[in-house]
Amino acid sequence: MLNLHARARVNRLLDPVGRWLVGRGMTPDAVTVAGTVGSVAAALWFLPRGQLVAGAWVVTAFVLFDLVDGAMARARGRCTAFGAVLDSTCDRIADGALFAGLAWWCLGVGEQRLVGVAALICLVTGQLISYIKARAEAEGLRADGGLVERAERLIVALLGTFLEGVGVPYALAVALWLLAAASLWTAGQRMVATYRSARAEPRSS
C-alpha cells in the first residue's frame, strides 16, 4: 500500500540526496551493502540483548539506505540487472536478521515465547511473500501488491519494537501477531494474483 501511495513523494525527497552521493563517487551497490551490513549487525547485537529502543533506531537508520540506493540509481540514469538482484537479496537478509533478532530476544531474555512464535512466522512469511513474486515473474506472471509489503512490515515491526522498549504493554506482541496474520493473508493474495495471471495468459506446457 505504501508503494502505491507514498513512493512518488519519497522519491522526490530523496532524489537530491542520491544525486549528491553519486556526484561524490559513491555507487548504489556500495550503499546497498553498507545498509545491509549495518541492519544485520544492529538487529543481531541490540535486539537479543533487550536494547529494543536503540535497536529500533539504528536498524531504521540503516534500512533507509535502501531508499537512498534507489535514488542514486535514478541519478545515474540506469539500474543494472546485478544491482537489482543484489538489492533484493540484501533486503531479504536484512529482514531476516530483524525478525531473527526479535525472535531471539522473545525466546531468550524477553521470556515471551508466544511472541517469539509470531516473530518466526513473520520471518518465514516475509521471505515467502517476496519469493512468490520473484517466482511468478520468472514464469512471466504477475504477483504484485498485497496487504503488507516490505515497507509496511518494517514499519509495524520497528514501531512495535520501539514501543515495547519504552514500556508500552504488549506493544511488540500486538505488532507481531497482527503482522503475522497480515503477512499470511498477503502470501495468499499473491498466490491468487499469480493464479489469475496464469489464467489470463494461458501458455503451452
N, C-alpha and C. Protein backbone atom coordinates (compact mmCIF):
# COMPACT_ATOMS: atom_id res chain seq x y z
N MET A 1 0.83 -1.21 0.00
CA MET A 1 0.00 0.00 0.00
C MET A 1 0.86 1.25 0.00
N LEU A 2 1.93 1.23 0.78
CA LEU A 2 2.82 2.40 0.77
C LEU A 2 3.50 2.58 -0.57
N ASN A 3 3.83 1.44 -1.23
CA ASN A 3 4.43 1.54 -2.56
C ASN A 3 3.51 2.28 -3.51
N LEU A 4 2.20 2.08 -3.34
CA LEU A 4 1.23 2.69 -4.23
C LEU A 4 1.05 4.17 -3.93
N HIS A 5 0.99 4.53 -2.66
CA HIS A 5 0.59 5.89 -2.29
C HIS A 5 1.75 6.83 -1.96
N ALA A 6 2.88 6.30 -1.50
CA ALA A 6 3.93 7.18 -0.99
C ALA A 6 5.20 7.20 -1.82
N ARG A 7 5.36 6.28 -2.76
CA ARG A 7 6.63 6.15 -3.47
C ARG A 7 7.02 7.44 -4.18
N ALA A 8 6.08 8.08 -4.88
CA ALA A 8 6.42 9.28 -5.65
C ALA A 8 6.91 10.40 -4.73
N ARG A 9 6.27 10.57 -3.59
CA ARG A 9 6.68 11.64 -2.67
C ARG A 9 8.05 11.35 -2.07
N VAL A 10 8.26 10.11 -1.69
CA VAL A 10 9.56 9.75 -1.12
C VAL A 10 10.66 9.93 -2.15
N ASN A 11 10.39 9.55 -3.40
CA ASN A 11 11.39 9.72 -4.46
C ASN A 11 11.77 11.18 -4.65
N ARG A 12 10.78 12.06 -4.63
CA ARG A 12 11.07 13.50 -4.78
C ARG A 12 11.94 14.01 -3.64
N LEU A 13 11.74 13.47 -2.46
CA LEU A 13 12.51 13.91 -1.29
C LEU A 13 13.95 13.42 -1.36
N LEU A 14 14.15 12.19 -1.83
CA LEU A 14 15.47 11.57 -1.78
C LEU A 14 16.30 11.73 -3.04
N ASP A 15 15.67 12.11 -4.14
CA ASP A 15 16.44 12.25 -5.38
C ASP A 15 17.61 13.23 -5.25
N PRO A 16 17.45 14.39 -4.58
CA PRO A 16 18.62 15.28 -4.40
C PRO A 16 19.75 14.62 -3.61
N VAL A 17 19.38 13.79 -2.61
CA VAL A 17 20.39 13.07 -1.83
C VAL A 17 21.14 12.09 -2.73
N GLY A 18 20.39 11.39 -3.57
CA GLY A 18 21.01 10.44 -4.49
C GLY A 18 21.97 11.12 -5.45
N ARG A 19 21.57 12.26 -5.99
CA ARG A 19 22.45 12.99 -6.91
C ARG A 19 23.71 13.47 -6.20
N TRP A 20 23.57 13.90 -4.95
CA TRP A 20 24.73 14.39 -4.19
C TRP A 20 25.73 13.27 -3.95
N LEU A 21 25.24 12.09 -3.58
CA LEU A 21 26.13 10.97 -3.32
C LEU A 21 26.81 10.48 -4.59
N VAL A 22 26.06 10.41 -5.68
CA VAL A 22 26.65 10.00 -6.96
C VAL A 22 27.72 10.99 -7.39
N GLY A 23 27.47 12.27 -7.16
CA GLY A 23 28.44 13.29 -7.52
C GLY A 23 29.74 13.17 -6.75
N ARG A 24 29.71 12.46 -5.64
CA ARG A 24 30.93 12.27 -4.84
C ARG A 24 31.52 10.88 -5.01
N GLY A 25 31.10 10.22 -6.06
CA GLY A 25 31.75 8.97 -6.45
C GLY A 25 31.23 7.71 -5.81
N MET A 26 30.16 7.79 -5.02
CA MET A 26 29.62 6.60 -4.39
C MET A 26 28.73 5.85 -5.37
N THR A 27 28.60 4.54 -5.18
CA THR A 27 27.78 3.72 -6.06
C THR A 27 26.57 3.17 -5.30
N PRO A 28 25.46 2.92 -6.00
CA PRO A 28 24.29 2.34 -5.33
C PRO A 28 24.58 1.00 -4.68
N ASP A 29 25.39 0.16 -5.35
CA ASP A 29 25.68 -1.16 -4.79
C ASP A 29 26.42 -1.05 -3.46
N ALA A 30 27.33 -0.10 -3.35
CA ALA A 30 28.07 0.09 -2.10
C ALA A 30 27.13 0.51 -0.98
N VAL A 31 26.19 1.39 -1.29
CA VAL A 31 25.22 1.84 -0.28
C VAL A 31 24.31 0.68 0.12
N THR A 32 23.91 -0.14 -0.84
CA THR A 32 23.07 -1.30 -0.54
C THR A 32 23.76 -2.23 0.44
N VAL A 33 25.01 -2.56 0.16
CA VAL A 33 25.75 -3.48 1.02
C VAL A 33 25.98 -2.86 2.40
N ALA A 34 26.34 -1.58 2.44
CA ALA A 34 26.57 -0.92 3.73
C ALA A 34 25.31 -0.91 4.58
N GLY A 35 24.17 -0.63 3.97
CA GLY A 35 22.92 -0.61 4.71
C GLY A 35 22.57 -1.99 5.25
N THR A 36 22.83 -3.02 4.45
CA THR A 36 22.52 -4.38 4.89
C THR A 36 23.42 -4.81 6.03
N VAL A 37 24.71 -4.57 5.90
CA VAL A 37 25.64 -4.93 6.97
C VAL A 37 25.27 -4.22 8.26
N GLY A 38 24.95 -2.93 8.16
CA GLY A 38 24.56 -2.18 9.36
C GLY A 38 23.28 -2.69 9.97
N SER A 39 22.27 -3.00 9.14
CA SER A 39 21.00 -3.50 9.64
C SER A 39 21.17 -4.84 10.35
N VAL A 40 21.91 -5.73 9.73
CA VAL A 40 22.11 -7.06 10.31
C VAL A 40 22.88 -6.96 11.63
N ALA A 41 23.95 -6.17 11.63
CA ALA A 41 24.74 -6.02 12.85
C ALA A 41 23.92 -5.43 13.99
N ALA A 42 23.14 -4.40 13.67
CA ALA A 42 22.32 -3.76 14.71
C ALA A 42 21.24 -4.70 15.23
N ALA A 43 20.57 -5.40 14.30
CA ALA A 43 19.48 -6.29 14.71
C ALA A 43 19.98 -7.42 15.59
N LEU A 44 21.15 -7.97 15.25
CA LEU A 44 21.65 -9.13 15.99
C LEU A 44 22.50 -8.75 17.20
N TRP A 45 22.82 -7.47 17.34
CA TRP A 45 23.56 -7.02 18.52
C TRP A 45 22.61 -6.44 19.57
N PHE A 46 21.79 -5.48 19.16
CA PHE A 46 20.94 -4.79 20.14
C PHE A 46 19.73 -5.61 20.58
N LEU A 47 19.01 -6.21 19.62
CA LEU A 47 17.72 -6.81 19.96
C LEU A 47 17.84 -8.01 20.89
N PRO A 48 18.71 -8.98 20.64
CA PRO A 48 18.78 -10.12 21.56
C PRO A 48 19.18 -9.73 22.98
N ARG A 49 19.88 -8.61 23.14
CA ARG A 49 20.31 -8.14 24.45
C ARG A 49 19.23 -7.35 25.18
N GLY A 50 18.08 -7.13 24.50
CA GLY A 50 17.00 -6.38 25.12
C GLY A 50 17.10 -4.88 24.96
N GLN A 51 18.04 -4.41 24.14
CA GLN A 51 18.18 -2.98 23.89
C GLN A 51 17.27 -2.60 22.72
N LEU A 52 15.97 -2.64 22.98
CA LEU A 52 14.98 -2.54 21.91
C LEU A 52 14.90 -1.13 21.33
N VAL A 53 14.99 -0.13 22.16
CA VAL A 53 14.89 1.25 21.65
C VAL A 53 16.08 1.57 20.75
N ALA A 54 17.28 1.28 21.24
CA ALA A 54 18.48 1.53 20.43
C ALA A 54 18.43 0.70 19.15
N GLY A 55 18.02 -0.56 19.28
CA GLY A 55 17.95 -1.42 18.11
C GLY A 55 16.98 -0.90 17.06
N ALA A 56 15.81 -0.45 17.52
CA ALA A 56 14.81 0.08 16.57
C ALA A 56 15.35 1.29 15.83
N TRP A 57 16.00 2.20 16.55
CA TRP A 57 16.52 3.42 15.91
C TRP A 57 17.65 3.11 14.93
N VAL A 58 18.57 2.28 15.35
CA VAL A 58 19.74 2.01 14.49
C VAL A 58 19.33 1.20 13.26
N VAL A 59 18.49 0.19 13.44
CA VAL A 59 18.02 -0.58 12.28
C VAL A 59 17.25 0.32 11.32
N THR A 60 16.42 1.20 11.85
CA THR A 60 15.67 2.12 10.98
C THR A 60 16.62 2.98 10.17
N ALA A 61 17.66 3.49 10.80
CA ALA A 61 18.62 4.34 10.09
C ALA A 61 19.27 3.59 8.93
N PHE A 62 19.65 2.35 9.16
CA PHE A 62 20.31 1.59 8.09
C PHE A 62 19.31 1.12 7.03
N VAL A 63 18.08 0.85 7.43
CA VAL A 63 17.06 0.45 6.46
C VAL A 63 16.82 1.58 5.44
N LEU A 64 16.94 2.81 5.89
CA LEU A 64 16.73 3.94 4.99
C LEU A 64 17.76 3.98 3.85
N PHE A 65 18.88 3.28 4.04
CA PHE A 65 19.85 3.19 2.94
C PHE A 65 19.22 2.58 1.70
N ASP A 66 18.22 1.71 1.91
CA ASP A 66 17.57 1.05 0.78
C ASP A 66 16.81 2.04 -0.09
N LEU A 67 16.35 3.13 0.51
CA LEU A 67 15.70 4.17 -0.27
C LEU A 67 16.73 5.02 -1.01
N VAL A 68 17.86 5.23 -0.36
CA VAL A 68 18.89 6.08 -0.95
C VAL A 68 19.53 5.42 -2.17
N ASP A 69 19.74 4.11 -2.12
CA ASP A 69 20.39 3.47 -3.28
C ASP A 69 19.51 3.54 -4.52
N GLY A 70 18.20 3.51 -4.34
CA GLY A 70 17.30 3.69 -5.47
C GLY A 70 17.40 5.08 -6.06
N ALA A 71 17.50 6.09 -5.19
CA ALA A 71 17.65 7.46 -5.66
C ALA A 71 18.97 7.63 -6.41
N MET A 72 20.01 6.93 -5.95
CA MET A 72 21.30 7.01 -6.63
C MET A 72 21.23 6.36 -8.01
N ALA A 73 20.52 5.23 -8.11
CA ALA A 73 20.37 4.58 -9.41
C ALA A 73 19.63 5.48 -10.39
N ARG A 74 18.61 6.18 -9.91
CA ARG A 74 17.89 7.11 -10.79
C ARG A 74 18.78 8.27 -11.20
N ALA A 75 19.62 8.72 -10.27
CA ALA A 75 20.52 9.83 -10.59
C ALA A 75 21.53 9.44 -11.66
N ARG A 76 21.94 8.17 -11.66
CA ARG A 76 22.89 7.68 -12.67
C ARG A 76 22.21 7.37 -13.99
N GLY A 77 20.87 7.32 -13.96
CA GLY A 77 20.12 7.07 -15.18
C GLY A 77 20.04 5.64 -15.60
N ARG A 78 20.43 4.72 -14.73
CA ARG A 78 20.35 3.32 -15.07
C ARG A 78 20.32 2.46 -13.81
N CYS A 79 19.71 1.29 -13.96
CA CYS A 79 19.70 0.29 -12.88
C CYS A 79 20.16 -1.02 -13.49
N THR A 80 21.28 -1.54 -13.05
CA THR A 80 21.83 -2.76 -13.64
C THR A 80 21.07 -3.98 -13.14
N ALA A 81 21.11 -5.05 -13.94
CA ALA A 81 20.46 -6.30 -13.54
C ALA A 81 21.10 -6.84 -12.26
N PHE A 82 22.43 -6.75 -12.17
CA PHE A 82 23.09 -7.23 -10.96
C PHE A 82 22.67 -6.38 -9.76
N GLY A 83 22.57 -5.08 -9.94
CA GLY A 83 22.17 -4.21 -8.84
C GLY A 83 20.78 -4.56 -8.32
N ALA A 84 19.87 -4.90 -9.24
CA ALA A 84 18.52 -5.27 -8.83
C ALA A 84 18.52 -6.56 -8.01
N VAL A 85 19.31 -7.54 -8.46
CA VAL A 85 19.40 -8.81 -7.73
C VAL A 85 20.06 -8.59 -6.37
N LEU A 86 21.13 -7.80 -6.35
CA LEU A 86 21.82 -7.51 -5.09
C LEU A 86 20.89 -6.83 -4.11
N ASP A 87 20.13 -5.86 -4.58
CA ASP A 87 19.22 -5.12 -3.71
C ASP A 87 18.17 -6.05 -3.12
N SER A 88 17.57 -6.90 -3.96
CA SER A 88 16.55 -7.82 -3.48
C SER A 88 17.13 -8.82 -2.48
N THR A 89 18.32 -9.32 -2.77
CA THR A 89 18.97 -10.27 -1.87
C THR A 89 19.28 -9.63 -0.52
N CYS A 90 19.81 -8.43 -0.56
CA CYS A 90 20.15 -7.73 0.69
C CYS A 90 18.90 -7.41 1.50
N ASP A 91 17.79 -7.10 0.83
CA ASP A 91 16.54 -6.86 1.54
C ASP A 91 16.12 -8.09 2.32
N ARG A 92 16.24 -9.26 1.69
CA ARG A 92 15.84 -10.50 2.38
C ARG A 92 16.74 -10.76 3.58
N ILE A 93 18.04 -10.49 3.43
CA ILE A 93 18.97 -10.71 4.54
C ILE A 93 18.65 -9.78 5.70
N ALA A 94 18.44 -8.50 5.41
CA ALA A 94 18.15 -7.52 6.46
C ALA A 94 16.84 -7.84 7.17
N ASP A 95 15.80 -8.20 6.40
CA ASP A 95 14.52 -8.53 7.00
C ASP A 95 14.64 -9.78 7.89
N GLY A 96 15.35 -10.78 7.38
CA GLY A 96 15.54 -12.00 8.16
C GLY A 96 16.26 -11.73 9.47
N ALA A 97 17.27 -10.87 9.42
CA ALA A 97 18.02 -10.55 10.64
C ALA A 97 17.15 -9.82 11.65
N LEU A 98 16.29 -8.92 11.18
CA LEU A 98 15.41 -8.18 12.10
C LEU A 98 14.50 -9.14 12.86
N PHE A 99 13.80 -10.01 12.14
CA PHE A 99 12.85 -10.90 12.82
C PHE A 99 13.57 -12.00 13.59
N ALA A 100 14.76 -12.39 13.12
CA ALA A 100 15.55 -13.35 13.90
C ALA A 100 15.98 -12.72 15.22
N GLY A 101 16.40 -11.46 15.18
CA GLY A 101 16.79 -10.76 16.40
C GLY A 101 15.64 -10.64 17.38
N LEU A 102 14.45 -10.32 16.86
CA LEU A 102 13.27 -10.21 17.72
C LEU A 102 12.90 -11.58 18.32
N ALA A 103 12.95 -12.62 17.48
CA ALA A 103 12.64 -13.96 17.99
C ALA A 103 13.66 -14.38 19.05
N TRP A 104 14.91 -14.04 18.82
CA TRP A 104 15.98 -14.37 19.77
C TRP A 104 15.70 -13.74 21.13
N TRP A 105 15.30 -12.47 21.12
CA TRP A 105 15.00 -11.79 22.38
C TRP A 105 13.77 -12.41 23.04
N CYS A 106 12.72 -12.63 22.25
CA CYS A 106 11.48 -13.16 22.81
C CYS A 106 11.69 -14.55 23.43
N LEU A 107 12.49 -15.39 22.79
CA LEU A 107 12.70 -16.74 23.28
C LEU A 107 13.82 -16.82 24.31
N GLY A 108 14.52 -15.69 24.51
CA GLY A 108 15.61 -15.65 25.47
C GLY A 108 15.28 -14.75 26.64
N VAL A 109 16.01 -13.63 26.72
CA VAL A 109 15.86 -12.77 27.90
C VAL A 109 14.49 -12.12 27.99
N GLY A 110 13.79 -11.99 26.87
CA GLY A 110 12.46 -11.37 26.89
C GLY A 110 11.40 -12.27 27.48
N GLU A 111 11.63 -13.58 27.47
CA GLU A 111 10.73 -14.57 28.05
C GLU A 111 9.29 -14.40 27.55
N GLN A 112 9.14 -14.27 26.25
CA GLN A 112 7.82 -14.15 25.62
C GLN A 112 7.76 -15.15 24.47
N ARG A 113 7.57 -16.41 24.82
CA ARG A 113 7.68 -17.47 23.82
C ARG A 113 6.63 -17.37 22.73
N LEU A 114 5.41 -17.03 23.09
CA LEU A 114 4.37 -16.92 22.07
C LEU A 114 4.67 -15.78 21.09
N VAL A 115 5.20 -14.69 21.61
CA VAL A 115 5.59 -13.59 20.73
C VAL A 115 6.75 -14.02 19.84
N GLY A 116 7.63 -14.85 20.38
CA GLY A 116 8.71 -15.39 19.57
C GLY A 116 8.19 -16.22 18.41
N VAL A 117 7.12 -16.96 18.64
CA VAL A 117 6.50 -17.72 17.56
C VAL A 117 6.00 -16.77 16.48
N ALA A 118 5.38 -15.67 16.89
CA ALA A 118 4.89 -14.68 15.92
C ALA A 118 6.05 -14.10 15.12
N ALA A 119 7.18 -13.84 15.78
CA ALA A 119 8.34 -13.31 15.08
C ALA A 119 8.85 -14.30 14.04
N LEU A 120 8.85 -15.59 14.39
CA LEU A 120 9.30 -16.61 13.44
C LEU A 120 8.33 -16.72 12.26
N ILE A 121 7.04 -16.60 12.53
CA ILE A 121 6.06 -16.60 11.43
C ILE A 121 6.31 -15.42 10.50
N CYS A 122 6.58 -14.25 11.10
CA CYS A 122 6.87 -13.07 10.29
C CYS A 122 8.13 -13.26 9.46
N LEU A 123 9.14 -13.90 10.04
CA LEU A 123 10.38 -14.15 9.32
C LEU A 123 10.12 -15.01 8.08
N VAL A 124 9.40 -16.11 8.28
CA VAL A 124 9.16 -17.06 7.18
C VAL A 124 8.24 -16.43 6.13
N THR A 125 7.15 -15.82 6.56
CA THR A 125 6.19 -15.28 5.59
C THR A 125 6.77 -14.09 4.83
N GLY A 126 7.64 -13.32 5.48
CA GLY A 126 8.28 -12.22 4.77
C GLY A 126 9.10 -12.71 3.59
N GLN A 127 9.85 -13.79 3.83
CA GLN A 127 10.62 -14.39 2.74
C GLN A 127 9.69 -14.99 1.69
N LEU A 128 8.61 -15.61 2.13
CA LEU A 128 7.67 -16.26 1.22
C LEU A 128 6.98 -15.26 0.30
N ILE A 129 6.57 -14.13 0.86
CA ILE A 129 5.90 -13.11 0.05
C ILE A 129 6.79 -12.66 -1.10
N SER A 130 8.04 -12.42 -0.80
CA SER A 130 8.97 -11.99 -1.83
C SER A 130 9.26 -13.11 -2.83
N TYR A 131 9.35 -14.34 -2.32
CA TYR A 131 9.64 -15.47 -3.21
C TYR A 131 8.51 -15.70 -4.20
N ILE A 132 7.26 -15.61 -3.75
CA ILE A 132 6.13 -15.81 -4.66
C ILE A 132 6.20 -14.84 -5.82
N LYS A 133 6.47 -13.57 -5.52
CA LYS A 133 6.55 -12.57 -6.58
C LYS A 133 7.70 -12.88 -7.54
N ALA A 134 8.87 -13.19 -6.98
CA ALA A 134 10.03 -13.47 -7.83
C ALA A 134 9.80 -14.70 -8.70
N ARG A 135 9.23 -15.74 -8.13
CA ARG A 135 9.00 -16.97 -8.89
C ARG A 135 7.94 -16.76 -9.96
N ALA A 136 6.90 -16.00 -9.63
CA ALA A 136 5.86 -15.71 -10.62
C ALA A 136 6.43 -14.91 -11.78
N GLU A 137 7.24 -13.89 -11.47
CA GLU A 137 7.82 -13.08 -12.53
C GLU A 137 8.78 -13.89 -13.40
N ALA A 138 9.47 -14.87 -12.80
CA ALA A 138 10.35 -15.73 -13.59
C ALA A 138 9.56 -16.56 -14.60
N GLU A 139 8.28 -16.80 -14.30
CA GLU A 139 7.41 -17.55 -15.21
C GLU A 139 6.62 -16.62 -16.13
N GLY A 140 6.92 -15.33 -16.08
CA GLY A 140 6.21 -14.37 -16.91
C GLY A 140 4.84 -13.98 -16.40
N LEU A 141 4.60 -14.21 -15.11
CA LEU A 141 3.31 -13.90 -14.49
C LEU A 141 3.45 -12.69 -13.56
N ARG A 142 2.33 -12.22 -13.04
CA ARG A 142 2.33 -11.07 -12.15
C ARG A 142 1.81 -11.48 -10.78
N ALA A 143 2.47 -10.98 -9.74
CA ALA A 143 2.03 -11.25 -8.36
C ALA A 143 2.31 -10.03 -7.50
N ASP A 144 1.89 -8.86 -7.98
CA ASP A 144 2.18 -7.62 -7.28
C ASP A 144 1.20 -7.38 -6.14
N GLY A 145 1.56 -6.41 -5.31
CA GLY A 145 0.63 -5.90 -4.31
C GLY A 145 0.46 -6.82 -3.12
N GLY A 146 -0.64 -6.59 -2.41
CA GLY A 146 -0.91 -7.32 -1.19
C GLY A 146 -1.09 -6.37 -0.03
N LEU A 147 -1.61 -6.89 1.05
CA LEU A 147 -1.94 -6.05 2.21
C LEU A 147 -0.70 -5.44 2.84
N VAL A 148 0.35 -6.25 3.06
CA VAL A 148 1.57 -5.73 3.68
C VAL A 148 2.78 -6.12 2.84
N GLU A 149 3.43 -5.15 2.25
CA GLU A 149 4.67 -5.39 1.55
C GLU A 149 5.83 -5.04 2.50
N ARG A 150 7.02 -4.95 1.95
CA ARG A 150 8.19 -4.80 2.82
C ARG A 150 8.11 -3.55 3.70
N ALA A 151 7.73 -2.43 3.12
CA ALA A 151 7.71 -1.19 3.89
C ALA A 151 6.78 -1.29 5.09
N GLU A 152 5.57 -1.84 4.88
CA GLU A 152 4.63 -1.98 5.98
C GLU A 152 5.16 -2.93 7.04
N ARG A 153 5.78 -4.02 6.61
CA ARG A 153 6.31 -4.99 7.58
C ARG A 153 7.38 -4.35 8.46
N LEU A 154 8.27 -3.59 7.85
CA LEU A 154 9.33 -2.96 8.63
C LEU A 154 8.77 -1.90 9.58
N ILE A 155 7.83 -1.10 9.10
CA ILE A 155 7.27 -0.04 9.95
C ILE A 155 6.57 -0.64 11.16
N VAL A 156 5.74 -1.65 10.95
CA VAL A 156 5.00 -2.25 12.06
C VAL A 156 5.96 -2.91 13.04
N ALA A 157 6.92 -3.67 12.53
CA ALA A 157 7.85 -4.38 13.41
C ALA A 157 8.72 -3.41 14.21
N LEU A 158 9.26 -2.40 13.55
CA LEU A 158 10.16 -1.47 14.24
C LEU A 158 9.39 -0.57 15.20
N LEU A 159 8.18 -0.17 14.84
CA LEU A 159 7.37 0.64 15.76
C LEU A 159 7.00 -0.18 17.00
N GLY A 160 6.58 -1.43 16.80
CA GLY A 160 6.27 -2.29 17.94
C GLY A 160 7.48 -2.51 18.83
N THR A 161 8.65 -2.67 18.21
CA THR A 161 9.89 -2.85 18.97
C THR A 161 10.20 -1.62 19.82
N PHE A 162 10.09 -0.46 19.20
CA PHE A 162 10.36 0.79 19.92
C PHE A 162 9.40 0.97 21.09
N LEU A 163 8.11 0.77 20.84
CA LEU A 163 7.12 0.97 21.90
C LEU A 163 7.31 -0.03 23.04
N GLU A 164 7.66 -1.27 22.69
CA GLU A 164 7.97 -2.25 23.73
C GLU A 164 9.17 -1.79 24.56
N GLY A 165 10.15 -1.22 23.88
CA GLY A 165 11.35 -0.76 24.57
C GLY A 165 11.10 0.38 25.53
N VAL A 166 10.12 1.23 25.22
CA VAL A 166 9.83 2.36 26.11
C VAL A 166 8.77 2.01 27.15
N GLY A 167 8.34 0.74 27.16
CA GLY A 167 7.47 0.29 28.24
C GLY A 167 6.00 0.20 27.93
N VAL A 168 5.59 0.31 26.68
CA VAL A 168 4.17 0.18 26.34
C VAL A 168 3.79 -1.30 26.44
N PRO A 169 2.83 -1.66 27.28
CA PRO A 169 2.50 -3.08 27.48
C PRO A 169 1.99 -3.74 26.20
N TYR A 170 2.49 -4.92 25.93
CA TYR A 170 2.04 -5.78 24.82
C TYR A 170 2.25 -5.16 23.43
N ALA A 171 3.05 -4.12 23.34
CA ALA A 171 3.22 -3.44 22.04
C ALA A 171 3.81 -4.39 21.00
N LEU A 172 4.86 -5.11 21.37
CA LEU A 172 5.50 -5.99 20.40
C LEU A 172 4.62 -7.20 20.09
N ALA A 173 3.93 -7.70 21.08
CA ALA A 173 3.04 -8.83 20.85
C ALA A 173 1.94 -8.47 19.86
N VAL A 174 1.32 -7.33 20.07
CA VAL A 174 0.26 -6.89 19.16
C VAL A 174 0.80 -6.67 17.76
N ALA A 175 1.95 -5.99 17.68
CA ALA A 175 2.54 -5.68 16.37
C ALA A 175 2.88 -6.96 15.60
N LEU A 176 3.53 -7.91 16.27
CA LEU A 176 3.99 -9.10 15.57
C LEU A 176 2.85 -10.06 15.22
N TRP A 177 1.86 -10.20 16.10
CA TRP A 177 0.76 -11.09 15.77
C TRP A 177 -0.11 -10.50 14.65
N LEU A 178 -0.33 -9.20 14.69
CA LEU A 178 -1.06 -8.57 13.57
C LEU A 178 -0.28 -8.72 12.28
N LEU A 179 1.03 -8.52 12.37
CA LEU A 179 1.87 -8.62 11.18
C LEU A 179 1.92 -10.06 10.67
N ALA A 180 1.96 -11.02 11.57
CA ALA A 180 1.96 -12.43 11.15
C ALA A 180 0.69 -12.76 10.39
N ALA A 181 -0.45 -12.33 10.93
CA ALA A 181 -1.72 -12.60 10.25
C ALA A 181 -1.79 -11.88 8.91
N ALA A 182 -1.37 -10.62 8.87
CA ALA A 182 -1.41 -9.84 7.64
C ALA A 182 -0.45 -10.40 6.59
N SER A 183 0.68 -10.92 7.05
CA SER A 183 1.65 -11.50 6.11
C SER A 183 1.14 -12.79 5.50
N LEU A 184 0.49 -13.61 6.31
CA LEU A 184 -0.12 -14.83 5.77
C LEU A 184 -1.20 -14.48 4.75
N TRP A 185 -1.97 -13.46 5.05
CA TRP A 185 -3.00 -13.00 4.11
C TRP A 185 -2.37 -12.51 2.82
N THR A 186 -1.29 -11.77 2.94
CA THR A 186 -0.61 -11.23 1.76
C THR A 186 -0.04 -12.34 0.89
N ALA A 187 0.53 -13.37 1.52
CA ALA A 187 1.03 -14.51 0.75
C ALA A 187 -0.10 -15.15 -0.04
N GLY A 188 -1.26 -15.28 0.61
CA GLY A 188 -2.42 -15.81 -0.09
C GLY A 188 -2.86 -14.92 -1.24
N GLN A 189 -2.85 -13.60 -1.02
CA GLN A 189 -3.21 -12.66 -2.07
C GLN A 189 -2.31 -12.81 -3.28
N ARG A 190 -1.02 -12.98 -3.03
CA ARG A 190 -0.08 -13.09 -4.15
C ARG A 190 -0.24 -14.41 -4.90
N MET A 191 -0.59 -15.47 -4.18
CA MET A 191 -0.86 -16.73 -4.87
C MET A 191 -2.10 -16.61 -5.74
N VAL A 192 -3.12 -15.93 -5.24
CA VAL A 192 -4.33 -15.71 -6.03
C VAL A 192 -4.02 -14.86 -7.25
N ALA A 193 -3.21 -13.80 -7.06
CA ALA A 193 -2.83 -12.94 -8.18
C ALA A 193 -2.06 -13.74 -9.23
N THR A 194 -1.18 -14.63 -8.78
CA THR A 194 -0.42 -15.47 -9.71
C THR A 194 -1.35 -16.39 -10.48
N TYR A 195 -2.30 -16.98 -9.79
CA TYR A 195 -3.27 -17.88 -10.44
C TYR A 195 -4.07 -17.13 -11.50
N ARG A 196 -4.54 -15.95 -11.14
CA ARG A 196 -5.33 -15.17 -12.10
C ARG A 196 -4.49 -14.75 -13.30
N SER A 197 -3.24 -14.39 -13.04
CA SER A 197 -2.35 -14.03 -14.14
C SER A 197 -2.12 -15.21 -15.07
N ALA A 198 -1.96 -16.40 -14.47
CA ALA A 198 -1.76 -17.60 -15.29
C ALA A 198 -3.01 -17.92 -16.11
N ARG A 199 -4.18 -17.72 -15.53
CA ARG A 199 -5.42 -17.97 -16.27
C ARG A 199 -5.61 -16.99 -17.41
N ALA A 200 -5.13 -15.76 -17.19
CA ALA A 200 -5.29 -14.72 -18.22
C ALA A 200 -4.30 -14.87 -19.35
N GLU A 201 -3.20 -15.59 -19.11
CA GLU A 201 -2.16 -15.75 -20.13
C GLU A 201 -1.84 -17.23 -20.27
N PRO A 202 -2.77 -18.00 -20.85
CA PRO A 202 -2.52 -19.43 -21.00
C PRO A 202 -1.34 -19.68 -21.93
N ARG A 203 -0.50 -20.66 -21.56
CA ARG A 203 0.67 -20.99 -22.36
C ARG A 203 0.74 -22.48 -22.57
N SER A 204 1.45 -22.88 -23.58
CA SER A 204 1.66 -24.31 -23.80
C SER A 204 2.68 -24.83 -22.81
N SER A 205 2.55 -26.10 -22.44
CA SER A 205 3.48 -26.68 -21.47
C SER A 205 4.83 -26.93 -22.13
